[in-house]
Amino acid sequence: MSSIAIVGAGPGLGAAVARRFGREGYDIALVARDSRRLDELVGALAAEGVTAHGFPADVRRPEELVAALDAAGRALGTVEVLQYSPVPHRDFMRPVLDTGHRDLVGPIEFSVYGPVAAVQQVLPGMRRLGRGTILFVNGGSAAVPHPERAGTSIAFAAESAYGHLLHDRLAGEGIHVAQLVIPGAIVAGHARKDPVVLAETLWGMHQDRHGFRHYADDLDS
């Protein structure tokens, strides 16, 4: 049985991806910081016939994230798909001239240390299987830096570089690494940025396995 771990799972995109992969028979591991909301999400999915399991962890605490993914692997089997898609904190989005070095600690923990810890935990299992998919989900500042959102612009650039390096290094081992850039907000009912549409896009990226960076919509949207 295949399994997917969704890091940063919430009632929008995370739930939609859980439903989409669940329809394909995947076991679902949901990782999020708030254990109460995680339990609510697991219950809501169960009411729709989707079996998911919650594993609480703060992505800014690598040891917690590693422990959660280790528990997911032991409970559900080797994680074959990893999606890293937590929503950045608002205080990461300061204007560049108001951003000091200490203001970058949170964004770097969130978008660099977190992804690296997550990948390092699941990658050995994927390599043993000889297959796997790693999906990074970022906002538009990953592609075009925004002067009013310096923290995410800087940290997303580093996360993007890490993902691209993994993409190039692991392709020959049957492990596909890709990034979905979502400009602006995720909007229910939007033709391209509704959570259900985005979940279908991510499923397609997992299935098609070509290219690193994909865009959910035009960058000026």
N, C-alpha and C. Protein backbone atom coordinates (compact mmCIF):
# COMPACT_ATOMS: atom_id res chain seq x y z
N MET A 1 0.84 -1.19 0.00
CA MET A 1 0.00 0.00 0.00
C MET A 1 0.88 1.25 0.00
N SER A 2 0.57 2.21 -0.87
CA SER A 2 1.33 3.44 -0.94
C SER A 2 0.81 4.45 0.08
N SER A 3 1.68 5.36 0.51
CA SER A 3 1.25 6.37 1.47
C SER A 3 1.81 7.74 1.08
N ILE A 4 1.06 8.77 1.47
CA ILE A 4 1.48 10.15 1.27
C ILE A 4 1.49 10.84 2.62
N ALA A 5 2.53 11.63 2.87
CA ALA A 5 2.60 12.49 4.05
C ALA A 5 2.43 13.93 3.60
N ILE A 6 1.43 14.61 4.14
CA ILE A 6 1.14 16.00 3.80
C ILE A 6 1.55 16.87 4.98
N VAL A 7 2.64 17.58 4.83
CA VAL A 7 3.16 18.42 5.91
C VAL A 7 2.57 19.82 5.77
N GLY A 8 1.92 20.28 6.85
CA GLY A 8 1.21 21.54 6.80
C GLY A 8 -0.24 21.34 6.40
N ALA A 9 -0.80 20.19 6.73
CA ALA A 9 -2.16 19.84 6.32
C ALA A 9 -3.19 20.71 7.03
N GLY A 10 -4.15 21.20 6.26
CA GLY A 10 -5.24 21.99 6.79
C GLY A 10 -6.53 21.66 6.07
N PRO A 11 -7.61 22.36 6.39
CA PRO A 11 -8.92 22.03 5.81
C PRO A 11 -9.08 22.43 4.35
N GLY A 12 -8.12 23.18 3.79
CA GLY A 12 -8.20 23.60 2.39
C GLY A 12 -7.43 22.67 1.48
N LEU A 13 -6.21 23.08 1.12
CA LEU A 13 -5.41 22.30 0.17
C LEU A 13 -5.05 20.92 0.73
N GLY A 14 -4.64 20.87 1.99
CA GLY A 14 -4.24 19.59 2.56
C GLY A 14 -5.36 18.56 2.51
N ALA A 15 -6.57 18.99 2.88
CA ALA A 15 -7.71 18.08 2.85
C ALA A 15 -8.04 17.66 1.43
N ALA A 16 -7.94 18.60 0.48
CA ALA A 16 -8.24 18.27 -0.91
C ALA A 16 -7.24 17.25 -1.47
N VAL A 17 -5.98 17.42 -1.13
CA VAL A 17 -4.96 16.46 -1.58
C VAL A 17 -5.20 15.10 -0.93
N ALA A 18 -5.58 15.10 0.36
CA ALA A 18 -5.88 13.84 1.04
C ALA A 18 -7.02 13.11 0.33
N ARG A 19 -8.05 13.84 -0.05
CA ARG A 19 -9.17 13.22 -0.76
C ARG A 19 -8.72 12.67 -2.12
N ARG A 20 -7.91 13.46 -2.83
CA ARG A 20 -7.50 13.05 -4.18
C ARG A 20 -6.63 11.80 -4.15
N PHE A 21 -5.64 11.78 -3.27
CA PHE A 21 -4.78 10.61 -3.18
C PHE A 21 -5.52 9.45 -2.52
N GLY A 22 -6.41 9.76 -1.59
CA GLY A 22 -7.20 8.71 -0.95
C GLY A 22 -8.04 7.94 -1.95
N ARG A 23 -8.57 8.64 -2.96
CA ARG A 23 -9.36 7.97 -4.00
C ARG A 23 -8.52 6.97 -4.78
N GLU A 24 -7.22 7.20 -4.79
CA GLU A 24 -6.32 6.30 -5.52
C GLU A 24 -5.79 5.17 -4.64
N GLY A 25 -6.30 5.10 -3.41
CA GLY A 25 -5.91 4.02 -2.52
C GLY A 25 -4.73 4.30 -1.62
N TYR A 26 -4.28 5.56 -1.59
CA TYR A 26 -3.14 5.90 -0.74
C TYR A 26 -3.56 6.00 0.72
N ASP A 27 -2.69 5.53 1.61
CA ASP A 27 -2.82 5.83 3.03
C ASP A 27 -2.36 7.27 3.24
N ILE A 28 -3.05 7.99 4.13
CA ILE A 28 -2.82 9.42 4.28
C ILE A 28 -2.27 9.74 5.67
N ALA A 29 -1.12 10.40 5.71
CA ALA A 29 -0.56 10.92 6.96
C ALA A 29 -0.63 12.44 6.91
N LEU A 30 -1.30 13.03 7.87
CA LEU A 30 -1.44 14.48 7.95
C LEU A 30 -0.55 15.00 9.06
N VAL A 31 0.30 15.95 8.75
CA VAL A 31 1.21 16.53 9.73
C VAL A 31 0.89 18.01 9.87
N ALA A 32 0.62 18.45 11.10
CA ALA A 32 0.32 19.86 11.37
C ALA A 32 0.64 20.15 12.82
N ARG A 33 0.73 21.43 13.14
CA ARG A 33 1.17 21.84 14.47
C ARG A 33 0.08 21.66 15.52
N ASP A 34 -1.16 22.01 15.20
CA ASP A 34 -2.26 22.04 16.16
C ASP A 34 -2.94 20.67 16.22
N SER A 35 -2.71 19.93 17.29
CA SER A 35 -3.25 18.57 17.37
C SER A 35 -4.77 18.55 17.40
N ARG A 36 -5.40 19.57 18.00
CA ARG A 36 -6.87 19.60 18.04
C ARG A 36 -7.43 19.76 16.63
N ARG A 37 -6.90 20.71 15.88
CA ARG A 37 -7.37 20.91 14.51
C ARG A 37 -7.05 19.70 13.63
N LEU A 38 -5.94 19.07 13.92
CA LEU A 38 -5.56 17.87 13.18
C LEU A 38 -6.59 16.77 13.42
N ASP A 39 -6.99 16.59 14.67
CA ASP A 39 -8.02 15.59 14.98
C ASP A 39 -9.34 15.93 14.28
N GLU A 40 -9.69 17.21 14.25
CA GLU A 40 -10.92 17.63 13.57
C GLU A 40 -10.85 17.31 12.08
N LEU A 41 -9.69 17.53 11.47
CA LEU A 41 -9.53 17.26 10.05
C LEU A 41 -9.61 15.77 9.76
N VAL A 42 -8.97 14.96 10.61
CA VAL A 42 -9.05 13.51 10.45
C VAL A 42 -10.50 13.06 10.54
N GLY A 43 -11.24 13.62 11.50
CA GLY A 43 -12.65 13.26 11.66
C GLY A 43 -13.49 13.68 10.48
N ALA A 44 -13.25 14.89 9.96
CA ALA A 44 -14.01 15.38 8.82
C ALA A 44 -13.76 14.51 7.59
N LEU A 45 -12.52 14.12 7.38
CA LEU A 45 -12.20 13.26 6.24
C LEU A 45 -12.83 11.87 6.42
N ALA A 46 -12.81 11.37 7.64
CA ALA A 46 -13.40 10.06 7.91
C ALA A 46 -14.89 10.07 7.59
N ALA A 47 -15.55 11.19 7.88
CA ALA A 47 -16.99 11.30 7.58
C ALA A 47 -17.26 11.26 6.09
N GLU A 48 -16.24 11.56 5.27
CA GLU A 48 -16.37 11.52 3.81
C GLU A 48 -15.84 10.20 3.24
N GLY A 49 -15.43 9.31 4.13
CA GLY A 49 -14.93 8.02 3.68
C GLY A 49 -13.45 7.97 3.39
N VAL A 50 -12.71 9.02 3.80
CA VAL A 50 -11.26 9.06 3.58
C VAL A 50 -10.56 8.77 4.91
N THR A 51 -9.79 7.70 4.94
CA THR A 51 -9.08 7.34 6.16
C THR A 51 -7.73 8.06 6.21
N ALA A 52 -7.56 8.89 7.21
CA ALA A 52 -6.31 9.63 7.39
C ALA A 52 -5.86 9.50 8.83
N HIS A 53 -4.59 9.74 9.05
CA HIS A 53 -4.00 9.63 10.39
C HIS A 53 -3.23 10.92 10.66
N GLY A 54 -3.39 11.45 11.88
CA GLY A 54 -2.74 12.70 12.24
C GLY A 54 -1.46 12.49 13.03
N PHE A 55 -0.46 13.32 12.73
CA PHE A 55 0.83 13.26 13.41
C PHE A 55 1.25 14.69 13.71
N PRO A 56 1.05 15.17 14.95
CA PRO A 56 1.35 16.56 15.25
C PRO A 56 2.84 16.87 15.24
N ALA A 57 3.19 18.02 14.68
CA ALA A 57 4.58 18.50 14.68
C ALA A 57 4.60 19.95 14.23
N ASP A 58 5.52 20.70 14.79
CA ASP A 58 5.78 22.07 14.36
C ASP A 58 6.94 22.02 13.37
N VAL A 59 6.72 22.51 12.14
CA VAL A 59 7.77 22.42 11.13
C VAL A 59 9.01 23.23 11.49
N ARG A 60 8.86 24.17 12.43
CA ARG A 60 10.02 24.95 12.86
C ARG A 60 10.85 24.22 13.91
N ARG A 61 10.41 23.04 14.29
CA ARG A 61 11.15 22.19 15.23
C ARG A 61 11.50 20.89 14.51
N PRO A 62 12.66 20.85 13.86
CA PRO A 62 13.00 19.69 13.02
C PRO A 62 12.88 18.35 13.73
N GLU A 63 13.23 18.31 15.02
CA GLU A 63 13.15 17.04 15.73
C GLU A 63 11.70 16.55 15.83
N GLU A 64 10.75 17.47 15.97
CA GLU A 64 9.33 17.09 16.01
C GLU A 64 8.89 16.58 14.65
N LEU A 65 9.30 17.25 13.60
CA LEU A 65 8.91 16.86 12.25
C LEU A 65 9.48 15.49 11.90
N VAL A 66 10.73 15.27 12.24
CA VAL A 66 11.35 13.96 11.99
C VAL A 66 10.62 12.86 12.74
N ALA A 67 10.27 13.13 14.01
CA ALA A 67 9.56 12.13 14.81
C ALA A 67 8.19 11.83 14.23
N ALA A 68 7.50 12.88 13.76
CA ALA A 68 6.16 12.68 13.19
C ALA A 68 6.23 11.83 11.92
N LEU A 69 7.19 12.12 11.06
CA LEU A 69 7.32 11.36 9.81
C LEU A 69 7.81 9.94 10.07
N ASP A 70 8.63 9.77 11.10
CA ASP A 70 9.05 8.43 11.48
C ASP A 70 7.84 7.62 11.96
N ALA A 71 7.00 8.26 12.78
CA ALA A 71 5.79 7.59 13.27
C ALA A 71 4.85 7.26 12.11
N ALA A 72 4.74 8.17 11.15
CA ALA A 72 3.90 7.92 9.98
C ALA A 72 4.41 6.72 9.19
N GLY A 73 5.71 6.65 9.01
CA GLY A 73 6.29 5.53 8.28
C GLY A 73 6.07 4.21 8.98
N ARG A 74 6.19 4.22 10.32
CA ARG A 74 5.99 2.98 11.07
C ARG A 74 4.52 2.56 11.07
N ALA A 75 3.62 3.54 11.07
CA ALA A 75 2.19 3.23 11.11
C ALA A 75 1.63 2.84 9.75
N LEU A 76 2.10 3.49 8.69
CA LEU A 76 1.48 3.34 7.37
C LEU A 76 2.39 2.68 6.34
N GLY A 77 3.63 2.44 6.70
CA GLY A 77 4.58 1.93 5.72
C GLY A 77 5.37 3.08 5.11
N THR A 78 6.30 2.72 4.26
CA THR A 78 7.20 3.72 3.67
C THR A 78 6.43 4.86 3.04
N VAL A 79 6.82 6.09 3.37
CA VAL A 79 6.22 7.27 2.74
C VAL A 79 6.73 7.35 1.30
N GLU A 80 5.81 7.17 0.35
CA GLU A 80 6.19 7.20 -1.06
C GLU A 80 6.05 8.59 -1.65
N VAL A 81 5.14 9.40 -1.09
CA VAL A 81 4.93 10.77 -1.55
C VAL A 81 5.01 11.70 -0.35
N LEU A 82 5.82 12.74 -0.47
CA LEU A 82 5.90 13.78 0.55
C LEU A 82 5.46 15.09 -0.07
N GLN A 83 4.49 15.75 0.56
CA GLN A 83 4.10 17.10 0.15
C GLN A 83 4.44 18.06 1.29
N TYR A 84 5.23 19.07 0.99
CA TYR A 84 5.59 20.08 1.99
C TYR A 84 4.87 21.37 1.62
N SER A 85 3.83 21.72 2.39
CA SER A 85 2.98 22.85 2.00
C SER A 85 2.40 23.63 3.17
N PRO A 86 3.16 23.85 4.25
CA PRO A 86 2.61 24.68 5.33
C PRO A 86 2.44 26.13 4.89
N VAL A 87 1.47 26.82 5.48
CA VAL A 87 1.21 28.22 5.13
C VAL A 87 2.11 29.11 5.98
N PRO A 88 2.91 30.00 5.36
CA PRO A 88 3.82 30.85 6.12
C PRO A 88 3.09 31.79 7.08
N HIS A 89 3.75 32.13 8.17
CA HIS A 89 3.20 33.07 9.13
C HIS A 89 3.17 34.48 8.53
N ARG A 90 2.22 35.27 8.94
CA ARG A 90 2.11 36.64 8.43
C ARG A 90 3.32 37.49 8.80
N ASP A 91 3.91 37.21 9.98
CA ASP A 91 5.04 38.06 10.39
C ASP A 91 6.32 37.76 9.61
N PHE A 92 6.28 36.77 8.69
CA PHE A 92 7.41 36.55 7.80
C PHE A 92 7.42 37.56 6.65
N MET A 93 6.32 38.27 6.49
CA MET A 93 6.13 39.09 5.29
C MET A 93 6.30 40.57 5.59
N ARG A 94 7.50 40.94 5.99
CA ARG A 94 7.83 42.33 6.26
C ARG A 94 8.48 42.97 5.03
N PRO A 95 8.35 44.29 4.89
CA PRO A 95 9.06 44.97 3.80
C PRO A 95 10.57 44.76 3.92
N VAL A 96 11.26 44.73 2.82
CA VAL A 96 12.67 44.37 2.83
C VAL A 96 13.51 45.33 3.68
N LEU A 97 13.20 46.63 3.66
CA LEU A 97 14.00 47.58 4.43
C LEU A 97 13.69 47.53 5.92
N ASP A 98 12.62 46.85 6.29
CA ASP A 98 12.28 46.67 7.70
C ASP A 98 12.66 45.28 8.20
N THR A 99 13.35 44.52 7.38
CA THR A 99 13.69 43.14 7.73
C THR A 99 15.14 43.06 8.19
N GLY A 100 15.32 42.73 9.47
CA GLY A 100 16.65 42.53 10.01
C GLY A 100 17.02 41.06 10.00
N HIS A 101 18.24 40.78 10.40
CA HIS A 101 18.70 39.39 10.31
C HIS A 101 17.89 38.46 11.21
N ARG A 102 17.45 38.97 12.37
CA ARG A 102 16.66 38.12 13.26
C ARG A 102 15.28 37.82 12.69
N ASP A 103 14.78 38.71 11.83
CA ASP A 103 13.47 38.49 11.21
C ASP A 103 13.49 37.33 10.22
N LEU A 104 14.69 36.90 9.82
CA LEU A 104 14.80 35.81 8.86
C LEU A 104 14.90 34.44 9.51
N VAL A 105 15.04 34.42 10.84
CA VAL A 105 15.17 33.13 11.52
C VAL A 105 13.93 32.26 11.29
N GLY A 106 12.74 32.84 11.55
CA GLY A 106 11.51 32.09 11.37
C GLY A 106 11.31 31.59 9.95
N PRO A 107 11.40 32.47 8.94
CA PRO A 107 11.23 32.00 7.57
C PRO A 107 12.21 30.91 7.17
N ILE A 108 13.46 31.02 7.61
CA ILE A 108 14.45 30.00 7.25
C ILE A 108 14.15 28.68 7.96
N GLU A 109 13.77 28.76 9.24
CA GLU A 109 13.36 27.53 9.93
C GLU A 109 12.20 26.86 9.21
N PHE A 110 11.25 27.68 8.77
CA PHE A 110 10.01 27.21 8.18
C PHE A 110 10.22 26.63 6.79
N SER A 111 11.00 27.32 5.96
CA SER A 111 11.09 26.97 4.54
C SER A 111 12.41 26.34 4.12
N VAL A 112 13.35 26.22 5.04
CA VAL A 112 14.63 25.56 4.72
C VAL A 112 14.88 24.39 5.67
N TYR A 113 14.98 24.68 6.96
CA TYR A 113 15.25 23.59 7.91
C TYR A 113 14.13 22.55 7.88
N GLY A 114 12.87 23.01 7.82
CA GLY A 114 11.74 22.09 7.79
C GLY A 114 11.77 21.16 6.59
N PRO A 115 11.85 21.70 5.37
CA PRO A 115 11.91 20.81 4.20
C PRO A 115 13.11 19.86 4.21
N VAL A 116 14.26 20.37 4.62
CA VAL A 116 15.45 19.51 4.63
C VAL A 116 15.26 18.36 5.62
N ALA A 117 14.74 18.68 6.81
CA ALA A 117 14.51 17.63 7.81
C ALA A 117 13.51 16.60 7.30
N ALA A 118 12.43 17.08 6.66
CA ALA A 118 11.40 16.17 6.16
C ALA A 118 11.95 15.27 5.07
N VAL A 119 12.67 15.85 4.13
CA VAL A 119 13.22 15.06 3.02
C VAL A 119 14.22 14.04 3.53
N GLN A 120 15.10 14.45 4.42
CA GLN A 120 16.10 13.53 4.92
C GLN A 120 15.48 12.36 5.67
N GLN A 121 14.32 12.58 6.28
CA GLN A 121 13.65 11.50 6.99
C GLN A 121 13.02 10.48 6.05
N VAL A 122 12.39 10.95 4.97
CA VAL A 122 11.66 10.01 4.10
C VAL A 122 12.49 9.49 2.93
N LEU A 123 13.56 10.19 2.59
CA LEU A 123 14.32 9.81 1.39
C LEU A 123 14.93 8.41 1.45
N PRO A 124 15.49 7.95 2.57
CA PRO A 124 16.04 6.59 2.58
C PRO A 124 15.00 5.53 2.20
N GLY A 125 13.77 5.71 2.67
CA GLY A 125 12.73 4.75 2.33
C GLY A 125 12.39 4.78 0.85
N MET A 126 12.32 5.98 0.29
CA MET A 126 12.04 6.10 -1.15
C MET A 126 13.16 5.44 -1.95
N ARG A 127 14.38 5.64 -1.53
CA ARG A 127 15.51 5.06 -2.28
C ARG A 127 15.50 3.54 -2.19
N ARG A 128 15.07 3.02 -1.05
CA ARG A 128 14.95 1.55 -0.94
C ARG A 128 13.87 1.03 -1.88
N LEU A 129 12.76 1.79 -1.99
CA LEU A 129 11.69 1.40 -2.91
C LEU A 129 12.08 1.55 -4.37
N GLY A 130 12.99 2.50 -4.63
CA GLY A 130 13.35 2.80 -6.01
C GLY A 130 12.34 3.71 -6.68
N ARG A 131 11.52 4.40 -5.88
CA ARG A 131 10.53 5.33 -6.42
C ARG A 131 10.08 6.27 -5.30
N GLY A 132 9.50 7.40 -5.72
CA GLY A 132 8.96 8.34 -4.75
C GLY A 132 8.71 9.68 -5.42
N THR A 133 7.98 10.52 -4.73
CA THR A 133 7.68 11.87 -5.21
C THR A 133 7.78 12.84 -4.04
N ILE A 134 8.44 13.96 -4.27
CA ILE A 134 8.53 15.03 -3.28
C ILE A 134 7.96 16.28 -3.92
N LEU A 135 6.93 16.85 -3.31
CA LEU A 135 6.23 18.01 -3.85
C LEU A 135 6.36 19.19 -2.91
N PHE A 136 6.93 20.28 -3.39
CA PHE A 136 7.00 21.52 -2.64
C PHE A 136 5.92 22.47 -3.16
N VAL A 137 5.18 23.09 -2.26
CA VAL A 137 4.14 24.05 -2.64
C VAL A 137 4.50 25.41 -2.06
N ASN A 138 4.62 26.42 -2.92
CA ASN A 138 5.04 27.75 -2.49
C ASN A 138 4.17 28.84 -3.12
N GLY A 139 4.25 30.03 -2.52
CA GLY A 139 3.59 31.19 -3.09
C GLY A 139 4.39 31.80 -4.21
N GLY A 140 3.82 32.84 -4.82
CA GLY A 140 4.44 33.47 -5.99
C GLY A 140 5.80 34.07 -5.74
N SER A 141 6.10 34.46 -4.47
CA SER A 141 7.40 35.06 -4.19
C SER A 141 8.53 34.05 -4.31
N ALA A 142 8.21 32.77 -4.45
CA ALA A 142 9.25 31.78 -4.74
C ALA A 142 9.84 31.98 -6.13
N ALA A 143 9.02 32.54 -7.03
CA ALA A 143 9.46 32.75 -8.40
C ALA A 143 9.87 34.19 -8.66
N VAL A 144 9.13 35.14 -8.07
CA VAL A 144 9.43 36.57 -8.23
C VAL A 144 9.47 37.20 -6.85
N PRO A 145 10.64 37.60 -6.34
CA PRO A 145 10.74 38.20 -5.01
C PRO A 145 9.85 39.43 -4.89
N HIS A 146 9.21 39.56 -3.72
CA HIS A 146 8.29 40.68 -3.48
C HIS A 146 8.89 41.58 -2.40
N PRO A 147 9.08 42.88 -2.66
CA PRO A 147 9.74 43.76 -1.69
C PRO A 147 8.97 43.94 -0.39
N GLU A 148 7.68 43.63 -0.39
CA GLU A 148 6.89 43.75 0.84
C GLU A 148 6.80 42.42 1.59
N ARG A 149 7.41 41.39 1.03
CA ARG A 149 7.36 40.06 1.64
C ARG A 149 8.76 39.46 1.65
N ALA A 150 9.66 40.16 2.29
CA ALA A 150 11.08 39.79 2.19
C ALA A 150 11.37 38.42 2.78
N GLY A 151 10.79 38.12 3.93
CA GLY A 151 11.09 36.85 4.59
C GLY A 151 10.75 35.65 3.73
N THR A 152 9.53 35.63 3.20
CA THR A 152 9.15 34.49 2.36
C THR A 152 9.91 34.52 1.04
N SER A 153 10.16 35.69 0.50
CA SER A 153 10.90 35.77 -0.77
C SER A 153 12.28 35.14 -0.63
N ILE A 154 12.96 35.47 0.45
CA ILE A 154 14.31 34.95 0.67
C ILE A 154 14.28 33.46 0.98
N ALA A 155 13.39 33.07 1.89
CA ALA A 155 13.34 31.67 2.32
C ALA A 155 12.81 30.76 1.21
N PHE A 156 11.79 31.23 0.47
CA PHE A 156 11.27 30.43 -0.64
C PHE A 156 12.33 30.23 -1.72
N ALA A 157 13.17 31.25 -1.93
CA ALA A 157 14.25 31.12 -2.92
C ALA A 157 15.20 30.00 -2.51
N ALA A 158 15.50 29.93 -1.23
CA ALA A 158 16.39 28.87 -0.74
C ALA A 158 15.71 27.50 -0.84
N GLU A 159 14.42 27.44 -0.49
CA GLU A 159 13.68 26.18 -0.60
C GLU A 159 13.62 25.72 -2.06
N SER A 160 13.40 26.70 -2.97
CA SER A 160 13.34 26.37 -4.39
C SER A 160 14.68 25.81 -4.88
N ALA A 161 15.77 26.43 -4.45
CA ALA A 161 17.10 25.95 -4.85
C ALA A 161 17.33 24.53 -4.34
N TYR A 162 16.94 24.28 -3.10
CA TYR A 162 17.10 22.94 -2.53
C TYR A 162 16.28 21.92 -3.33
N GLY A 163 15.04 22.27 -3.62
CA GLY A 163 14.20 21.37 -4.38
C GLY A 163 14.75 21.09 -5.77
N HIS A 164 15.25 22.14 -6.42
CA HIS A 164 15.79 21.95 -7.78
C HIS A 164 17.03 21.07 -7.75
N LEU A 165 17.86 21.24 -6.74
CA LEU A 165 19.03 20.37 -6.61
C LEU A 165 18.61 18.92 -6.42
N LEU A 166 17.59 18.69 -5.60
CA LEU A 166 17.09 17.33 -5.39
C LEU A 166 16.53 16.77 -6.70
N HIS A 167 15.79 17.60 -7.42
CA HIS A 167 15.21 17.18 -8.70
C HIS A 167 16.31 16.65 -9.62
N ASP A 168 17.37 17.40 -9.75
CA ASP A 168 18.46 17.00 -10.65
C ASP A 168 19.19 15.76 -10.14
N ARG A 169 19.37 15.68 -8.85
CA ARG A 169 20.16 14.59 -8.27
C ARG A 169 19.41 13.27 -8.22
N LEU A 170 18.10 13.31 -8.00
CA LEU A 170 17.35 12.09 -7.71
C LEU A 170 16.58 11.53 -8.90
N ALA A 171 16.50 12.28 -9.99
CA ALA A 171 15.70 11.83 -11.14
C ALA A 171 16.13 10.45 -11.62
N GLY A 172 17.41 10.20 -11.61
CA GLY A 172 17.92 8.92 -12.09
C GLY A 172 17.61 7.75 -11.18
N GLU A 173 17.12 8.04 -9.98
CA GLU A 173 16.79 6.99 -9.03
C GLU A 173 15.29 6.72 -8.97
N GLY A 174 14.52 7.33 -9.88
CA GLY A 174 13.08 7.11 -9.87
C GLY A 174 12.34 7.96 -8.87
N ILE A 175 13.00 8.98 -8.33
CA ILE A 175 12.37 9.87 -7.35
C ILE A 175 12.17 11.23 -8.00
N HIS A 176 10.92 11.63 -8.12
CA HIS A 176 10.59 12.88 -8.81
C HIS A 176 10.37 13.99 -7.78
N VAL A 177 11.07 15.09 -7.97
CA VAL A 177 10.95 16.26 -7.08
C VAL A 177 10.42 17.42 -7.91
N ALA A 178 9.35 18.05 -7.43
CA ALA A 178 8.73 19.12 -8.20
C ALA A 178 8.18 20.19 -7.26
N GLN A 179 7.96 21.36 -7.82
CA GLN A 179 7.45 22.51 -7.06
C GLN A 179 6.22 23.07 -7.77
N LEU A 180 5.18 23.35 -6.98
CA LEU A 180 4.00 24.05 -7.49
C LEU A 180 3.99 25.45 -6.89
N VAL A 181 4.06 26.46 -7.74
CA VAL A 181 3.99 27.85 -7.32
C VAL A 181 2.54 28.32 -7.50
N ILE A 182 1.96 28.83 -6.40
CA ILE A 182 0.58 29.31 -6.42
C ILE A 182 0.60 30.81 -6.21
N PRO A 183 0.49 31.60 -7.26
CA PRO A 183 0.49 33.06 -7.10
C PRO A 183 -0.78 33.52 -6.37
N GLY A 184 -0.62 34.44 -5.43
CA GLY A 184 -1.78 34.96 -4.71
C GLY A 184 -2.36 33.91 -3.78
N ALA A 185 -3.64 34.08 -3.46
CA ALA A 185 -4.30 33.21 -2.48
C ALA A 185 -4.95 32.01 -3.14
N ILE A 186 -5.11 30.95 -2.36
CA ILE A 186 -5.94 29.82 -2.76
C ILE A 186 -7.39 30.26 -2.57
N VAL A 187 -8.20 30.12 -3.63
CA VAL A 187 -9.55 30.68 -3.61
C VAL A 187 -10.57 29.61 -4.00
N ALA A 188 -11.48 29.32 -3.09
CA ALA A 188 -12.54 28.36 -3.40
C ALA A 188 -13.36 28.86 -4.58
N GLY A 189 -13.60 27.99 -5.54
CA GLY A 189 -14.37 28.34 -6.71
C GLY A 189 -13.55 28.90 -7.86
N HIS A 190 -12.27 29.22 -7.62
CA HIS A 190 -11.41 29.75 -8.68
C HIS A 190 -11.11 28.64 -9.69
N ALA A 191 -11.06 29.02 -10.96
CA ALA A 191 -10.87 28.02 -12.01
C ALA A 191 -9.54 27.28 -11.90
N ARG A 192 -8.52 27.94 -11.36
CA ARG A 192 -7.19 27.31 -11.29
C ARG A 192 -6.65 27.20 -9.87
N LYS A 193 -7.22 27.97 -8.92
CA LYS A 193 -6.66 27.98 -7.57
C LYS A 193 -7.64 27.50 -6.50
N ASP A 194 -8.71 26.86 -6.91
CA ASP A 194 -9.57 26.17 -5.96
C ASP A 194 -8.79 24.98 -5.39
N PRO A 195 -8.95 24.64 -4.10
CA PRO A 195 -8.19 23.52 -3.53
C PRO A 195 -8.36 22.21 -4.29
N VAL A 196 -9.57 21.94 -4.77
CA VAL A 196 -9.79 20.69 -5.51
C VAL A 196 -9.00 20.70 -6.82
N VAL A 197 -8.98 21.84 -7.50
CA VAL A 197 -8.23 21.97 -8.75
C VAL A 197 -6.73 21.81 -8.49
N LEU A 198 -6.25 22.45 -7.42
CA LEU A 198 -4.84 22.36 -7.08
C LEU A 198 -4.45 20.93 -6.71
N ALA A 199 -5.34 20.24 -6.01
CA ALA A 199 -5.07 18.84 -5.66
C ALA A 199 -4.95 17.99 -6.91
N GLU A 200 -5.78 18.27 -7.90
CA GLU A 200 -5.70 17.54 -9.17
C GLU A 200 -4.38 17.87 -9.88
N THR A 201 -3.96 19.14 -9.79
CA THR A 201 -2.67 19.53 -10.38
C THR A 201 -1.53 18.76 -9.72
N LEU A 202 -1.56 18.68 -8.41
CA LEU A 202 -0.50 17.97 -7.68
C LEU A 202 -0.52 16.47 -8.00
N TRP A 203 -1.70 15.90 -8.12
CA TRP A 203 -1.79 14.50 -8.53
C TRP A 203 -1.17 14.32 -9.92
N GLY A 204 -1.48 15.25 -10.82
CA GLY A 204 -0.91 15.18 -12.16
C GLY A 204 0.60 15.30 -12.16
N MET A 205 1.15 16.17 -11.31
CA MET A 205 2.60 16.30 -11.20
C MET A 205 3.22 14.99 -10.72
N HIS A 206 2.56 14.35 -9.77
CA HIS A 206 3.04 13.07 -9.27
C HIS A 206 3.00 12.00 -10.36
N GLN A 207 1.96 12.03 -11.16
CA GLN A 207 1.81 11.01 -12.20
C GLN A 207 2.68 11.28 -13.43
N ASP A 208 2.72 12.54 -13.88
CA ASP A 208 3.41 12.87 -15.13
C ASP A 208 4.93 12.88 -14.98
N ARG A 209 5.41 13.37 -13.84
CA ARG A 209 6.83 13.26 -13.49
C ARG A 209 7.76 13.94 -14.49
N HIS A 210 7.43 15.17 -14.87
CA HIS A 210 8.34 15.90 -15.76
C HIS A 210 8.47 17.34 -15.28
N GLY A 211 9.67 17.86 -15.35
CA GLY A 211 9.93 19.25 -14.97
C GLY A 211 9.94 19.47 -13.47
N PHE A 212 10.61 20.53 -13.07
CA PHE A 212 10.65 20.87 -11.64
C PHE A 212 9.57 21.87 -11.27
N ARG A 213 9.58 23.06 -11.86
CA ARG A 213 8.66 24.12 -11.43
C ARG A 213 7.40 24.16 -12.29
N HIS A 214 6.27 24.19 -11.61
CA HIS A 214 4.98 24.29 -12.26
C HIS A 214 4.22 25.47 -11.64
N TYR A 215 3.38 26.10 -12.43
CA TYR A 215 2.61 27.26 -11.96
C TYR A 215 1.13 26.94 -11.96
N ALA A 216 0.48 27.26 -10.85
CA ALA A 216 -0.96 27.04 -10.76
C ALA A 216 -1.72 28.09 -11.56
N ASP A 217 -1.14 29.27 -11.71
CA ASP A 217 -1.80 30.37 -12.40
C ASP A 217 -0.73 31.37 -12.88
N ASP A 218 -1.16 32.36 -13.64
CA ASP A 218 -0.23 33.40 -14.08
C ASP A 218 0.33 34.14 -12.87
N LEU A 219 1.58 34.56 -12.94
CA LEU A 219 2.23 35.18 -11.81
C LEU A 219 1.59 36.52 -11.42
N ASP A 220 0.94 37.19 -12.35
CA ASP A 220 0.32 38.47 -12.03
C ASP A 220 -1.13 38.32 -11.60
N SER A 221 -1.55 37.07 -11.34
CA SER A 221 -2.95 36.86 -10.96
C SER A 221 -3.18 37.20 -9.48
